[in-house]
N, C-alpha and C. Protein backbone atom coordinates (compact mmCIF):
# COMPACT_ATOMS: atom_id res chain seq x y z
N MET A 1 0.84 -1.20 0.00
CA MET A 1 0.00 0.00 0.00
C MET A 1 0.87 1.24 0.00
N ALA A 2 0.28 2.35 -0.54
CA ALA A 2 1.03 3.60 -0.57
C ALA A 2 1.36 4.09 0.82
N SER A 3 0.47 3.82 1.77
CA SER A 3 0.70 4.28 3.14
C SER A 3 1.94 3.64 3.74
N VAL A 4 2.18 2.37 3.44
CA VAL A 4 3.37 1.69 3.95
C VAL A 4 4.62 2.29 3.34
N ALA A 5 4.56 2.56 2.03
CA ALA A 5 5.71 3.16 1.35
C ALA A 5 6.00 4.54 1.91
N LEU A 6 4.94 5.28 2.24
CA LEU A 6 5.13 6.61 2.79
C LEU A 6 5.82 6.55 4.14
N LEU A 7 5.42 5.62 4.97
CA LEU A 7 6.06 5.47 6.28
C LEU A 7 7.52 5.12 6.15
N ARG A 8 7.85 4.28 5.16
CA ARG A 8 9.24 3.93 4.95
C ARG A 8 10.05 5.16 4.59
N SER A 9 9.45 6.06 3.78
CA SER A 9 10.14 7.28 3.42
C SER A 9 10.35 8.16 4.65
N LEU A 10 9.33 8.23 5.49
CA LEU A 10 9.43 9.06 6.69
C LEU A 10 10.45 8.51 7.67
N ARG A 11 10.56 7.19 7.75
CA ARG A 11 11.51 6.59 8.68
C ARG A 11 12.94 6.97 8.33
N ARG A 12 13.20 7.21 7.03
CA ARG A 12 14.55 7.62 6.64
C ARG A 12 14.88 9.00 7.15
N HIS A 13 13.83 9.76 7.49
CA HIS A 13 14.05 11.14 7.93
C HIS A 13 13.78 11.34 9.42
N GLU A 14 13.40 10.31 10.16
CA GLU A 14 12.94 10.51 11.52
C GLU A 14 14.03 11.03 12.44
N LEU A 15 15.31 10.77 12.10
CA LEU A 15 16.39 11.29 12.93
C LEU A 15 16.48 12.81 12.86
N HIS A 16 15.88 13.39 11.79
CA HIS A 16 15.94 14.83 11.62
C HIS A 16 14.74 15.53 12.22
N ALA A 17 13.76 14.80 12.68
CA ALA A 17 12.51 15.41 13.17
C ALA A 17 12.63 15.79 14.63
N ALA A 18 13.61 16.63 14.94
CA ALA A 18 13.77 17.16 16.29
C ALA A 18 13.15 18.55 16.34
N SER A 19 13.58 19.39 17.25
CA SER A 19 13.01 20.74 17.37
C SER A 19 13.43 21.59 16.19
N VAL A 20 12.63 22.64 15.91
CA VAL A 20 12.92 23.50 14.78
C VAL A 20 14.26 24.19 14.93
N SER A 21 14.63 24.50 16.14
CA SER A 21 15.89 25.21 16.38
C SER A 21 17.11 24.39 16.02
N ALA A 22 16.93 23.11 15.82
CA ALA A 22 18.07 22.27 15.48
C ALA A 22 18.45 22.37 14.02
N PHE A 23 17.57 23.00 13.21
CA PHE A 23 17.81 23.03 11.78
C PHE A 23 18.48 24.33 11.37
N LYS A 24 19.80 24.35 11.40
CA LYS A 24 20.59 25.49 10.95
C LYS A 24 21.57 24.97 9.91
N PHE A 25 21.20 25.13 8.66
CA PHE A 25 21.99 24.49 7.61
C PHE A 25 22.67 25.52 6.73
N SER A 26 23.64 25.05 5.97
CA SER A 26 24.16 25.81 4.84
C SER A 26 24.05 24.91 3.63
N SER A 27 23.68 25.51 2.49
CA SER A 27 23.50 24.72 1.29
C SER A 27 24.55 25.12 0.26
N THR A 28 24.89 24.20 -0.60
CA THR A 28 25.93 24.45 -1.59
C THR A 28 25.30 24.59 -2.96
N CYS A 29 25.65 25.64 -3.67
CA CYS A 29 25.14 25.84 -5.02
C CYS A 29 26.30 25.75 -6.00
N GLY A 30 26.03 26.14 -7.26
CA GLY A 30 27.03 26.01 -8.29
C GLY A 30 28.34 26.72 -7.97
N GLY A 31 29.46 26.07 -8.27
CA GLY A 31 30.76 26.67 -8.02
C GLY A 31 31.27 26.42 -6.63
N GLY A 32 30.54 25.61 -5.86
CA GLY A 32 31.01 25.28 -4.53
C GLY A 32 30.78 26.37 -3.50
N ARG A 33 29.99 27.43 -3.86
CA ARG A 33 29.75 28.51 -2.91
C ARG A 33 28.69 28.10 -1.90
N THR A 34 28.80 28.63 -0.69
CA THR A 34 27.82 28.36 0.35
C THR A 34 26.85 29.52 0.45
N THR A 35 25.54 29.26 0.38
CA THR A 35 24.53 30.30 0.44
C THR A 35 23.93 30.37 1.83
N GLU A 36 23.71 31.59 2.31
CA GLU A 36 23.10 31.79 3.61
C GLU A 36 21.60 31.95 3.45
N LEU A 37 20.89 32.09 4.58
CA LEU A 37 19.46 32.30 4.55
C LEU A 37 19.15 33.53 3.72
N ARG A 38 18.27 33.40 2.74
CA ARG A 38 18.04 34.46 1.77
C ARG A 38 17.24 35.63 2.33
N LEU A 39 16.40 35.43 3.33
CA LEU A 39 15.55 36.49 3.85
C LEU A 39 16.15 37.08 5.12
N HIS A 40 16.49 38.34 5.07
CA HIS A 40 17.14 39.01 6.20
C HIS A 40 16.19 39.07 7.39
N GLY A 41 16.69 38.69 8.56
CA GLY A 41 15.91 38.77 9.78
C GLY A 41 15.05 37.57 10.08
N VAL A 42 14.99 36.61 9.18
CA VAL A 42 14.16 35.42 9.38
C VAL A 42 15.05 34.26 9.83
N LYS A 43 14.78 33.74 11.02
CA LYS A 43 15.63 32.69 11.58
C LYS A 43 15.41 31.34 10.91
N ASP A 44 14.14 30.93 10.79
CA ASP A 44 13.83 29.62 10.20
C ASP A 44 12.64 29.73 9.26
N ILE A 45 12.66 28.91 8.22
CA ILE A 45 11.56 28.88 7.25
C ILE A 45 11.05 27.45 7.16
N ILE A 46 9.78 27.26 7.40
CA ILE A 46 9.16 25.93 7.35
C ILE A 46 8.14 25.90 6.23
N ALA A 47 8.27 24.94 5.34
CA ALA A 47 7.30 24.77 4.26
C ALA A 47 6.23 23.78 4.68
N VAL A 48 4.98 24.11 4.37
CA VAL A 48 3.87 23.18 4.55
C VAL A 48 3.43 22.78 3.14
N ALA A 49 3.62 21.51 2.81
CA ALA A 49 3.47 21.08 1.43
C ALA A 49 2.60 19.83 1.32
N SER A 50 2.14 19.60 0.09
CA SER A 50 1.40 18.37 -0.21
C SER A 50 1.63 18.02 -1.67
N GLY A 51 1.47 16.76 -1.97
CA GLY A 51 1.65 16.33 -3.35
C GLY A 51 0.47 16.68 -4.23
N LYS A 52 -0.69 16.94 -3.62
CA LYS A 52 -1.89 17.26 -4.39
C LYS A 52 -2.73 18.25 -3.59
N GLY A 53 -3.66 18.89 -4.27
CA GLY A 53 -4.52 19.86 -3.62
C GLY A 53 -5.71 19.19 -2.93
N GLY A 54 -6.38 19.96 -2.07
CA GLY A 54 -7.60 19.49 -1.43
C GLY A 54 -7.40 18.61 -0.22
N VAL A 55 -6.19 18.61 0.37
CA VAL A 55 -5.93 17.75 1.53
C VAL A 55 -5.86 18.55 2.84
N GLY A 56 -6.10 19.87 2.77
CA GLY A 56 -6.06 20.69 3.96
C GLY A 56 -4.71 21.31 4.24
N LYS A 57 -3.92 21.49 3.20
CA LYS A 57 -2.57 22.05 3.36
C LYS A 57 -2.62 23.49 3.89
N SER A 58 -3.43 24.32 3.28
CA SER A 58 -3.51 25.72 3.69
C SER A 58 -4.07 25.85 5.11
N SER A 59 -5.06 25.03 5.44
CA SER A 59 -5.61 25.04 6.80
C SER A 59 -4.53 24.68 7.82
N THR A 60 -3.71 23.69 7.47
CA THR A 60 -2.62 23.28 8.36
C THR A 60 -1.60 24.40 8.52
N ALA A 61 -1.24 25.06 7.41
CA ALA A 61 -0.26 26.14 7.46
C ALA A 61 -0.76 27.30 8.33
N VAL A 62 -2.03 27.66 8.16
CA VAL A 62 -2.61 28.76 8.93
C VAL A 62 -2.66 28.41 10.41
N ASN A 63 -3.14 27.21 10.74
CA ASN A 63 -3.22 26.80 12.14
C ASN A 63 -1.84 26.70 12.79
N LEU A 64 -0.85 26.23 12.03
CA LEU A 64 0.51 26.15 12.55
C LEU A 64 1.05 27.54 12.86
N ALA A 65 0.85 28.47 11.92
CA ALA A 65 1.35 29.83 12.10
C ALA A 65 0.70 30.51 13.31
N VAL A 66 -0.62 30.41 13.41
CA VAL A 66 -1.34 31.06 14.51
C VAL A 66 -0.96 30.43 15.85
N ALA A 67 -0.79 29.10 15.88
CA ALA A 67 -0.41 28.42 17.12
C ALA A 67 0.99 28.83 17.56
N LEU A 68 1.92 28.91 16.62
CA LEU A 68 3.28 29.32 16.97
C LEU A 68 3.32 30.75 17.50
N ALA A 69 2.45 31.61 16.93
CA ALA A 69 2.42 33.01 17.35
C ALA A 69 1.76 33.19 18.71
N ASN A 70 0.67 32.47 18.95
CA ASN A 70 -0.13 32.71 20.15
C ASN A 70 0.18 31.75 21.29
N LYS A 71 0.45 30.50 20.98
CA LYS A 71 0.75 29.52 22.03
C LYS A 71 2.23 29.55 22.41
N CYS A 72 3.08 29.65 21.41
CA CYS A 72 4.53 29.63 21.67
C CYS A 72 5.11 31.04 21.80
N GLU A 73 4.28 32.07 21.50
CA GLU A 73 4.70 33.47 21.61
C GLU A 73 5.96 33.76 20.79
N LEU A 74 5.95 33.28 19.56
CA LEU A 74 7.06 33.54 18.64
C LEU A 74 6.65 34.61 17.62
N LYS A 75 7.64 35.21 16.98
CA LYS A 75 7.39 36.16 15.90
C LYS A 75 7.24 35.36 14.61
N ILE A 76 6.04 35.38 14.04
CA ILE A 76 5.72 34.47 12.94
C ILE A 76 5.25 35.23 11.71
N GLY A 77 5.69 34.75 10.55
CA GLY A 77 5.19 35.23 9.27
C GLY A 77 4.56 34.09 8.50
N LEU A 78 3.63 34.41 7.62
CA LEU A 78 2.95 33.39 6.81
C LEU A 78 2.95 33.85 5.36
N LEU A 79 3.64 33.08 4.52
CA LEU A 79 3.71 33.38 3.09
C LEU A 79 2.83 32.41 2.32
N ASP A 80 1.86 32.95 1.62
CA ASP A 80 0.98 32.15 0.77
C ASP A 80 1.63 32.04 -0.61
N ALA A 81 2.36 30.95 -0.83
CA ALA A 81 3.09 30.77 -2.09
C ALA A 81 2.23 30.09 -3.16
N ASP A 82 0.99 29.79 -2.84
CA ASP A 82 0.08 29.18 -3.81
C ASP A 82 -0.51 30.30 -4.67
N VAL A 83 0.24 30.68 -5.71
CA VAL A 83 -0.12 31.84 -6.52
C VAL A 83 -1.46 31.65 -7.22
N TYR A 84 -1.72 30.46 -7.75
CA TYR A 84 -2.94 30.23 -8.52
C TYR A 84 -4.19 30.09 -7.65
N GLY A 85 -4.03 29.65 -6.42
CA GLY A 85 -5.18 29.47 -5.55
C GLY A 85 -4.92 29.97 -4.14
N PRO A 86 -4.70 31.28 -3.96
CA PRO A 86 -4.40 31.80 -2.63
C PRO A 86 -5.59 31.67 -1.67
N SER A 87 -5.34 31.09 -0.51
CA SER A 87 -6.40 30.87 0.48
C SER A 87 -6.19 31.64 1.77
N VAL A 88 -4.97 32.11 2.00
CA VAL A 88 -4.64 32.76 3.27
C VAL A 88 -5.49 33.99 3.57
N PRO A 89 -5.79 34.87 2.59
CA PRO A 89 -6.61 36.05 2.93
C PRO A 89 -7.96 35.69 3.54
N ILE A 90 -8.60 34.65 3.03
CA ILE A 90 -9.90 34.25 3.57
C ILE A 90 -9.73 33.63 4.95
N MET A 91 -8.77 32.73 5.09
CA MET A 91 -8.59 32.03 6.35
C MET A 91 -8.10 32.95 7.46
N MET A 92 -7.30 33.96 7.11
CA MET A 92 -6.76 34.88 8.11
C MET A 92 -7.62 36.15 8.24
N LYS A 93 -8.71 36.22 7.46
CA LYS A 93 -9.65 37.35 7.52
C LYS A 93 -8.94 38.68 7.28
N ILE A 94 -8.20 38.74 6.19
CA ILE A 94 -7.52 39.97 5.79
C ILE A 94 -7.87 40.26 4.34
N ASN A 95 -8.04 41.53 4.01
CA ASN A 95 -8.37 41.87 2.63
C ASN A 95 -7.76 43.19 2.17
N GLN A 96 -7.04 43.89 3.06
CA GLN A 96 -6.46 45.17 2.67
C GLN A 96 -5.17 44.97 1.88
N LYS A 97 -4.91 45.91 0.99
CA LYS A 97 -3.69 45.87 0.20
C LYS A 97 -2.49 46.20 1.08
N PRO A 98 -1.37 45.52 0.90
CA PRO A 98 -0.17 45.84 1.69
C PRO A 98 0.39 47.20 1.32
N GLU A 99 0.87 47.93 2.31
CA GLU A 99 1.50 49.21 2.07
C GLU A 99 2.97 48.99 1.67
N VAL A 100 3.59 50.07 1.20
CA VAL A 100 4.99 50.00 0.75
C VAL A 100 5.81 50.97 1.58
N ASN A 101 6.98 50.52 2.06
CA ASN A 101 7.83 51.39 2.89
C ASN A 101 8.77 52.23 2.02
N GLN A 102 9.67 52.95 2.67
CA GLN A 102 10.58 53.84 1.96
C GLN A 102 11.57 53.10 1.07
N ASP A 103 11.82 51.83 1.40
CA ASP A 103 12.72 51.01 0.58
C ASP A 103 11.99 50.30 -0.55
N MET A 104 10.72 50.70 -0.77
CA MET A 104 9.89 50.11 -1.83
C MET A 104 9.65 48.62 -1.61
N LYS A 105 9.60 48.23 -0.34
CA LYS A 105 9.25 46.85 0.00
C LYS A 105 7.86 46.82 0.61
N MET A 106 7.12 45.77 0.30
CA MET A 106 5.77 45.65 0.83
C MET A 106 5.79 45.30 2.31
N ILE A 107 4.85 45.86 3.04
CA ILE A 107 4.73 45.59 4.47
C ILE A 107 3.63 44.54 4.66
N PRO A 108 3.95 43.40 5.28
CA PRO A 108 2.94 42.34 5.43
C PRO A 108 1.73 42.82 6.22
N VAL A 109 0.57 42.26 5.88
CA VAL A 109 -0.66 42.55 6.61
C VAL A 109 -0.74 41.60 7.80
N GLU A 110 -1.00 42.13 8.98
CA GLU A 110 -0.96 41.32 10.20
C GLU A 110 -2.34 41.09 10.79
N ASN A 111 -2.57 39.86 11.23
CA ASN A 111 -3.78 39.50 11.96
C ASN A 111 -3.49 38.27 12.80
N TYR A 112 -4.14 38.15 13.94
CA TYR A 112 -3.91 37.04 14.88
C TYR A 112 -2.45 36.92 15.29
N GLY A 113 -1.71 38.02 15.23
CA GLY A 113 -0.31 38.00 15.62
C GLY A 113 0.62 37.44 14.56
N VAL A 114 0.12 37.30 13.32
CA VAL A 114 0.91 36.71 12.23
C VAL A 114 1.02 37.71 11.08
N LYS A 115 2.23 37.92 10.59
CA LYS A 115 2.45 38.76 9.42
C LYS A 115 2.20 37.95 8.15
N CYS A 116 1.31 38.43 7.29
CA CYS A 116 0.88 37.63 6.13
C CYS A 116 1.17 38.34 4.81
N MET A 117 1.51 37.52 3.82
CA MET A 117 1.65 38.02 2.46
C MET A 117 1.08 36.97 1.51
N SER A 118 0.27 37.43 0.57
CA SER A 118 -0.39 36.51 -0.35
C SER A 118 -0.70 37.22 -1.66
N MET A 119 -0.69 36.46 -2.75
CA MET A 119 -1.10 37.02 -4.02
C MET A 119 -2.56 37.47 -3.98
N GLY A 120 -3.34 36.85 -3.10
CA GLY A 120 -4.74 37.24 -2.96
C GLY A 120 -4.91 38.66 -2.45
N LEU A 121 -3.85 39.24 -1.85
CA LEU A 121 -3.90 40.62 -1.38
C LEU A 121 -3.50 41.61 -2.47
N LEU A 122 -2.95 41.11 -3.57
CA LEU A 122 -2.39 41.98 -4.61
C LEU A 122 -3.26 42.05 -5.85
N VAL A 123 -4.23 41.16 -5.99
CA VAL A 123 -5.11 41.16 -7.15
C VAL A 123 -6.55 41.37 -6.69
N GLU A 124 -7.41 41.66 -7.63
CA GLU A 124 -8.82 41.85 -7.30
C GLU A 124 -9.44 40.54 -6.84
N LYS A 125 -10.42 40.65 -5.93
CA LYS A 125 -11.09 39.46 -5.40
C LYS A 125 -11.73 38.66 -6.53
N ASP A 126 -11.52 37.34 -6.49
CA ASP A 126 -12.07 36.38 -7.47
C ASP A 126 -11.44 36.52 -8.85
N ALA A 127 -10.40 37.33 -8.99
CA ALA A 127 -9.73 37.46 -10.28
C ALA A 127 -8.86 36.23 -10.53
N PRO A 128 -8.98 35.59 -11.71
CA PRO A 128 -8.14 34.41 -11.99
C PRO A 128 -6.70 34.81 -12.27
N ILE A 129 -5.78 33.97 -11.83
CA ILE A 129 -4.35 34.20 -12.09
C ILE A 129 -3.98 33.36 -13.30
N VAL A 130 -3.97 33.99 -14.47
CA VAL A 130 -3.67 33.27 -15.72
C VAL A 130 -2.26 33.66 -16.14
N TRP A 131 -1.30 33.00 -15.51
CA TRP A 131 0.11 33.33 -15.72
C TRP A 131 0.90 32.10 -16.13
N ARG A 132 1.95 32.35 -16.90
CA ARG A 132 2.91 31.29 -17.21
C ARG A 132 4.00 31.25 -16.15
N GLY A 133 4.85 30.23 -16.23
CA GLY A 133 5.88 29.99 -15.23
C GLY A 133 6.74 31.19 -14.86
N PRO A 134 7.34 31.92 -15.84
CA PRO A 134 8.21 33.05 -15.49
C PRO A 134 7.51 34.12 -14.66
N MET A 135 6.24 34.38 -14.93
CA MET A 135 5.50 35.38 -14.17
C MET A 135 5.27 34.90 -12.74
N VAL A 136 5.03 33.60 -12.58
CA VAL A 136 4.84 33.03 -11.24
C VAL A 136 6.13 33.15 -10.45
N MET A 137 7.27 32.85 -11.09
CA MET A 137 8.56 32.95 -10.41
C MET A 137 8.83 34.40 -9.98
N SER A 138 8.48 35.35 -10.84
CA SER A 138 8.67 36.75 -10.52
C SER A 138 7.80 37.17 -9.34
N ALA A 139 6.56 36.69 -9.31
CA ALA A 139 5.65 37.01 -8.22
C ALA A 139 6.15 36.44 -6.90
N LEU A 140 6.66 35.22 -6.93
CA LEU A 140 7.18 34.60 -5.71
C LEU A 140 8.40 35.35 -5.19
N ALA A 141 9.23 35.83 -6.10
CA ALA A 141 10.41 36.60 -5.69
C ALA A 141 9.99 37.90 -5.01
N LYS A 142 8.96 38.56 -5.54
CA LYS A 142 8.50 39.81 -4.96
C LYS A 142 7.84 39.58 -3.60
N MET A 143 7.21 38.42 -3.41
CA MET A 143 6.54 38.15 -2.14
C MET A 143 7.50 37.61 -1.08
N THR A 144 8.74 37.39 -1.47
CA THR A 144 9.74 36.95 -0.48
C THR A 144 10.76 38.06 -0.25
N ARG A 145 11.63 38.29 -1.22
CA ARG A 145 12.67 39.31 -1.06
C ARG A 145 12.12 40.73 -1.19
N GLY A 146 10.93 40.88 -1.77
CA GLY A 146 10.33 42.20 -1.92
C GLY A 146 9.41 42.58 -0.78
N VAL A 147 9.50 41.86 0.33
CA VAL A 147 8.65 42.12 1.50
C VAL A 147 9.51 42.42 2.71
N ASP A 148 9.13 43.41 3.47
CA ASP A 148 9.84 43.75 4.71
C ASP A 148 9.25 42.92 5.84
N TRP A 149 9.79 41.73 6.05
CA TRP A 149 9.28 40.82 7.05
C TRP A 149 9.68 41.21 8.46
N GLY A 150 10.71 42.04 8.58
CA GLY A 150 11.21 42.39 9.91
C GLY A 150 11.92 41.20 10.54
N GLU A 151 11.92 41.18 11.87
CA GLU A 151 12.55 40.08 12.60
C GLU A 151 11.51 38.98 12.85
N LEU A 152 11.77 37.78 12.34
CA LEU A 152 10.86 36.65 12.52
C LEU A 152 11.60 35.45 13.09
N ASP A 153 10.93 34.74 14.00
CA ASP A 153 11.48 33.47 14.47
C ASP A 153 11.25 32.39 13.42
N VAL A 154 10.05 32.37 12.85
CA VAL A 154 9.71 31.36 11.84
C VAL A 154 8.83 31.99 10.77
N LEU A 155 9.14 31.70 9.52
CA LEU A 155 8.27 32.03 8.40
C LEU A 155 7.67 30.73 7.90
N VAL A 156 6.35 30.62 7.97
CA VAL A 156 5.64 29.44 7.48
C VAL A 156 5.23 29.69 6.04
N VAL A 157 5.59 28.79 5.15
CA VAL A 157 5.29 28.94 3.73
C VAL A 157 4.23 27.92 3.32
N ASP A 158 3.08 28.43 2.90
CA ASP A 158 2.02 27.58 2.36
C ASP A 158 2.39 27.30 0.91
N MET A 159 2.96 26.14 0.66
CA MET A 159 3.48 25.81 -0.67
C MET A 159 2.35 25.50 -1.65
N PRO A 160 2.57 25.76 -2.93
CA PRO A 160 1.60 25.29 -3.93
C PRO A 160 1.64 23.77 -4.03
N PRO A 161 0.51 23.12 -4.35
CA PRO A 161 0.53 21.66 -4.46
C PRO A 161 1.35 21.20 -5.66
N GLY A 162 1.91 20.00 -5.55
CA GLY A 162 2.68 19.45 -6.65
C GLY A 162 4.17 19.49 -6.41
N THR A 163 4.93 19.15 -7.46
CA THR A 163 6.40 19.09 -7.36
C THR A 163 7.05 19.72 -8.58
N GLY A 164 6.53 20.88 -9.00
CA GLY A 164 7.03 21.52 -10.21
C GLY A 164 8.07 22.58 -9.96
N ASP A 165 8.20 23.51 -10.93
CA ASP A 165 9.22 24.55 -10.87
C ASP A 165 9.08 25.43 -9.64
N ALA A 166 7.84 25.83 -9.34
CA ALA A 166 7.63 26.73 -8.20
C ALA A 166 8.09 26.09 -6.90
N GLN A 167 7.75 24.84 -6.72
CA GLN A 167 8.12 24.15 -5.47
C GLN A 167 9.64 23.99 -5.35
N ILE A 168 10.27 23.61 -6.46
CA ILE A 168 11.73 23.42 -6.45
C ILE A 168 12.44 24.75 -6.21
N SER A 169 11.97 25.82 -6.86
CA SER A 169 12.61 27.13 -6.70
C SER A 169 12.51 27.62 -5.27
N ILE A 170 11.33 27.47 -4.66
CA ILE A 170 11.15 27.89 -3.27
C ILE A 170 12.08 27.09 -2.36
N SER A 171 12.13 25.78 -2.58
CA SER A 171 12.94 24.91 -1.73
C SER A 171 14.42 25.26 -1.80
N GLN A 172 14.89 25.63 -2.98
CA GLN A 172 16.31 25.92 -3.15
C GLN A 172 16.67 27.36 -2.78
N ASN A 173 15.82 28.32 -3.17
CA ASN A 173 16.17 29.73 -2.99
C ASN A 173 15.92 30.25 -1.58
N LEU A 174 15.00 29.65 -0.84
CA LEU A 174 14.70 30.14 0.50
C LEU A 174 15.46 29.41 1.58
N LYS A 175 16.21 28.38 1.21
CA LYS A 175 16.98 27.63 2.20
C LYS A 175 16.09 27.21 3.37
N LEU A 176 15.16 26.33 3.08
CA LEU A 176 14.18 25.90 4.06
C LEU A 176 14.83 25.19 5.24
N SER A 177 14.29 25.43 6.43
CA SER A 177 14.76 24.71 7.62
C SER A 177 14.15 23.32 7.69
N GLY A 178 13.01 23.12 7.06
CA GLY A 178 12.36 21.82 7.06
C GLY A 178 10.99 21.93 6.41
N ALA A 179 10.34 20.79 6.22
CA ALA A 179 9.04 20.75 5.57
C ALA A 179 8.08 19.84 6.33
N VAL A 180 6.83 20.25 6.36
CA VAL A 180 5.75 19.43 6.91
C VAL A 180 4.88 18.97 5.75
N ILE A 181 4.66 17.67 5.65
CA ILE A 181 3.86 17.10 4.57
C ILE A 181 2.43 16.87 5.07
N VAL A 182 1.46 17.31 4.28
CA VAL A 182 0.06 17.13 4.62
C VAL A 182 -0.58 16.17 3.62
N SER A 183 -1.33 15.21 4.13
CA SER A 183 -1.99 14.23 3.26
C SER A 183 -3.30 13.81 3.90
N THR A 184 -4.07 13.04 3.18
CA THR A 184 -5.26 12.38 3.71
C THR A 184 -5.01 10.88 3.65
N PRO A 185 -5.85 10.05 4.30
CA PRO A 185 -5.55 8.62 4.41
C PRO A 185 -5.64 7.83 3.10
N GLN A 186 -6.24 8.41 2.06
CA GLN A 186 -6.44 7.65 0.82
C GLN A 186 -5.11 7.31 0.15
N ASP A 187 -5.04 6.17 -0.48
CA ASP A 187 -3.82 5.72 -1.12
C ASP A 187 -3.33 6.70 -2.20
N VAL A 188 -4.27 7.29 -2.96
CA VAL A 188 -3.87 8.22 -4.01
C VAL A 188 -3.18 9.45 -3.41
N ALA A 189 -3.76 10.00 -2.33
CA ALA A 189 -3.16 11.16 -1.68
C ALA A 189 -1.81 10.81 -1.07
N LEU A 190 -1.70 9.63 -0.47
CA LEU A 190 -0.44 9.21 0.15
C LEU A 190 0.64 8.99 -0.90
N ALA A 191 0.24 8.49 -2.05
CA ALA A 191 1.22 8.29 -3.13
C ALA A 191 1.79 9.64 -3.58
N ASP A 192 0.92 10.65 -3.69
CA ASP A 192 1.39 11.98 -4.08
C ASP A 192 2.24 12.60 -2.97
N ALA A 193 1.87 12.35 -1.72
CA ALA A 193 2.67 12.85 -0.60
C ALA A 193 4.07 12.23 -0.63
N ASN A 194 4.14 10.97 -1.02
CA ASN A 194 5.44 10.29 -1.13
C ASN A 194 6.31 10.95 -2.19
N ARG A 195 5.68 11.40 -3.27
CA ARG A 195 6.44 12.11 -4.31
C ARG A 195 6.96 13.44 -3.77
N GLY A 196 6.14 14.09 -2.95
CA GLY A 196 6.59 15.33 -2.35
C GLY A 196 7.78 15.13 -1.43
N ILE A 197 7.76 14.04 -0.66
CA ILE A 197 8.88 13.71 0.21
C ILE A 197 10.14 13.46 -0.62
N SER A 198 9.99 12.77 -1.73
CA SER A 198 11.14 12.49 -2.60
C SER A 198 11.72 13.78 -3.17
N MET A 199 10.84 14.74 -3.52
CA MET A 199 11.33 16.01 -4.05
C MET A 199 12.17 16.75 -3.01
N PHE A 200 11.66 16.83 -1.77
CA PHE A 200 12.40 17.51 -0.71
C PHE A 200 13.71 16.79 -0.42
N ASP A 201 13.69 15.47 -0.55
CA ASP A 201 14.91 14.70 -0.32
C ASP A 201 15.97 15.07 -1.37
N LYS A 202 15.56 15.27 -2.61
CA LYS A 202 16.50 15.60 -3.68
C LYS A 202 17.11 16.98 -3.51
N VAL A 203 16.33 17.91 -2.94
CA VAL A 203 16.86 19.26 -2.74
C VAL A 203 17.40 19.45 -1.31
N ARG A 204 17.53 18.32 -0.59
CA ARG A 204 18.16 18.30 0.73
C ARG A 204 17.41 19.14 1.76
N VAL A 205 16.11 19.01 1.77
CA VAL A 205 15.27 19.66 2.78
C VAL A 205 14.73 18.57 3.70
N HIS A 206 14.92 18.73 5.00
CA HIS A 206 14.52 17.71 5.96
C HIS A 206 13.01 17.72 6.19
N ILE A 207 12.46 16.53 6.37
CA ILE A 207 11.04 16.36 6.64
C ILE A 207 10.83 16.41 8.15
N LEU A 208 10.03 17.38 8.60
CA LEU A 208 9.75 17.51 10.03
C LEU A 208 8.66 16.56 10.49
N GLY A 209 7.75 16.19 9.59
CA GLY A 209 6.68 15.28 9.99
C GLY A 209 5.59 15.22 8.94
N LEU A 210 4.66 14.32 9.17
CA LEU A 210 3.50 14.12 8.29
C LEU A 210 2.23 14.39 9.07
N VAL A 211 1.35 15.19 8.49
CA VAL A 211 0.03 15.44 9.06
C VAL A 211 -0.98 14.65 8.24
N GLU A 212 -1.62 13.67 8.87
CA GLU A 212 -2.68 12.91 8.19
C GLU A 212 -4.00 13.61 8.50
N ASN A 213 -4.49 14.34 7.53
CA ASN A 213 -5.69 15.15 7.72
C ASN A 213 -6.94 14.37 7.35
N MET A 214 -8.07 14.80 7.91
CA MET A 214 -9.38 14.23 7.55
C MET A 214 -9.45 12.73 7.79
N SER A 215 -8.86 12.25 8.87
CA SER A 215 -8.90 10.82 9.19
C SER A 215 -9.67 10.64 10.49
N THR A 216 -10.35 9.51 10.63
CA THR A 216 -11.11 9.22 11.84
C THR A 216 -10.16 8.75 12.94
N PRO A 217 -10.38 9.15 14.19
CA PRO A 217 -9.47 8.74 15.28
C PRO A 217 -9.35 7.24 15.40
N GLY A 218 -10.46 6.51 15.30
CA GLY A 218 -10.40 5.06 15.45
C GLY A 218 -9.60 4.39 14.35
N GLY A 219 -9.86 4.83 13.11
CA GLY A 219 -9.15 4.26 11.98
C GLY A 219 -7.67 4.56 12.01
N CYS A 220 -7.34 5.78 12.44
CA CYS A 220 -5.93 6.19 12.52
C CYS A 220 -5.17 5.34 13.55
N LYS A 221 -5.79 5.13 14.72
CA LYS A 221 -5.15 4.34 15.76
C LYS A 221 -4.94 2.91 15.30
N GLU A 222 -5.94 2.34 14.66
CA GLU A 222 -5.84 0.96 14.19
C GLU A 222 -4.74 0.84 13.12
N TRP A 223 -4.64 1.87 12.25
CA TRP A 223 -3.64 1.83 11.19
C TRP A 223 -2.24 1.88 11.77
N PHE A 224 -2.00 2.76 12.76
CA PHE A 224 -0.68 2.87 13.34
C PHE A 224 -0.30 1.61 14.12
N GLU A 225 -1.27 1.00 14.79
CA GLU A 225 -0.96 -0.24 15.52
C GLU A 225 -0.57 -1.36 14.56
N THR A 226 -1.09 -1.29 13.34
CA THR A 226 -0.82 -2.34 12.34
C THR A 226 0.49 -2.11 11.62
N HIS A 227 0.78 -0.85 11.29
CA HIS A 227 1.90 -0.55 10.38
C HIS A 227 3.09 0.12 11.04
N TRP A 228 2.93 0.79 12.16
CA TRP A 228 4.03 1.58 12.72
C TRP A 228 4.99 0.72 13.55
């Protein structure tokens, strides 16, 4: 079953699933140069990702960000990197356009103690994003390096679903501290989640854990007793 294969993938990473503060890495790019964290003032960046849409990825990212800000009392930012289907403005109840500071950088919109940036704040409500790859890459660059995030303990990134150019670029350019994979119990969703884990493995991003969303407590307990 796909679920068994997924657990095997996670077991390869379980030694890395310690506290977030343990993830301080340097990555090597072309020419043997070492790249530092790309966003000034941001200590750690955590991606919340899934292999497919509709599994509750954005809900998980929002809840994680709000919990870290309010329960753990950390300085938290939330980047909605899902350019084609931004959900953060609705979930975080924000709709105002971000202001621009003297350095021509956008100022994140804050609510629930979380600084937020999303393409949904930059376009008209319900307007479709009909863009090709280069435009998406440009938009992601502006929502990361073109934003004055200030001092943050953690920036949570709501990743777009899938394993394409956008996901790979974010994983490599932002120097992620780790990734949380979100899935549902169905074999099809788990198979896609496994592909997501493989992608992060190739770009040397550690898996912090798996969130099995939309599962019944009884079924989940029985499954873990059988397979874990």
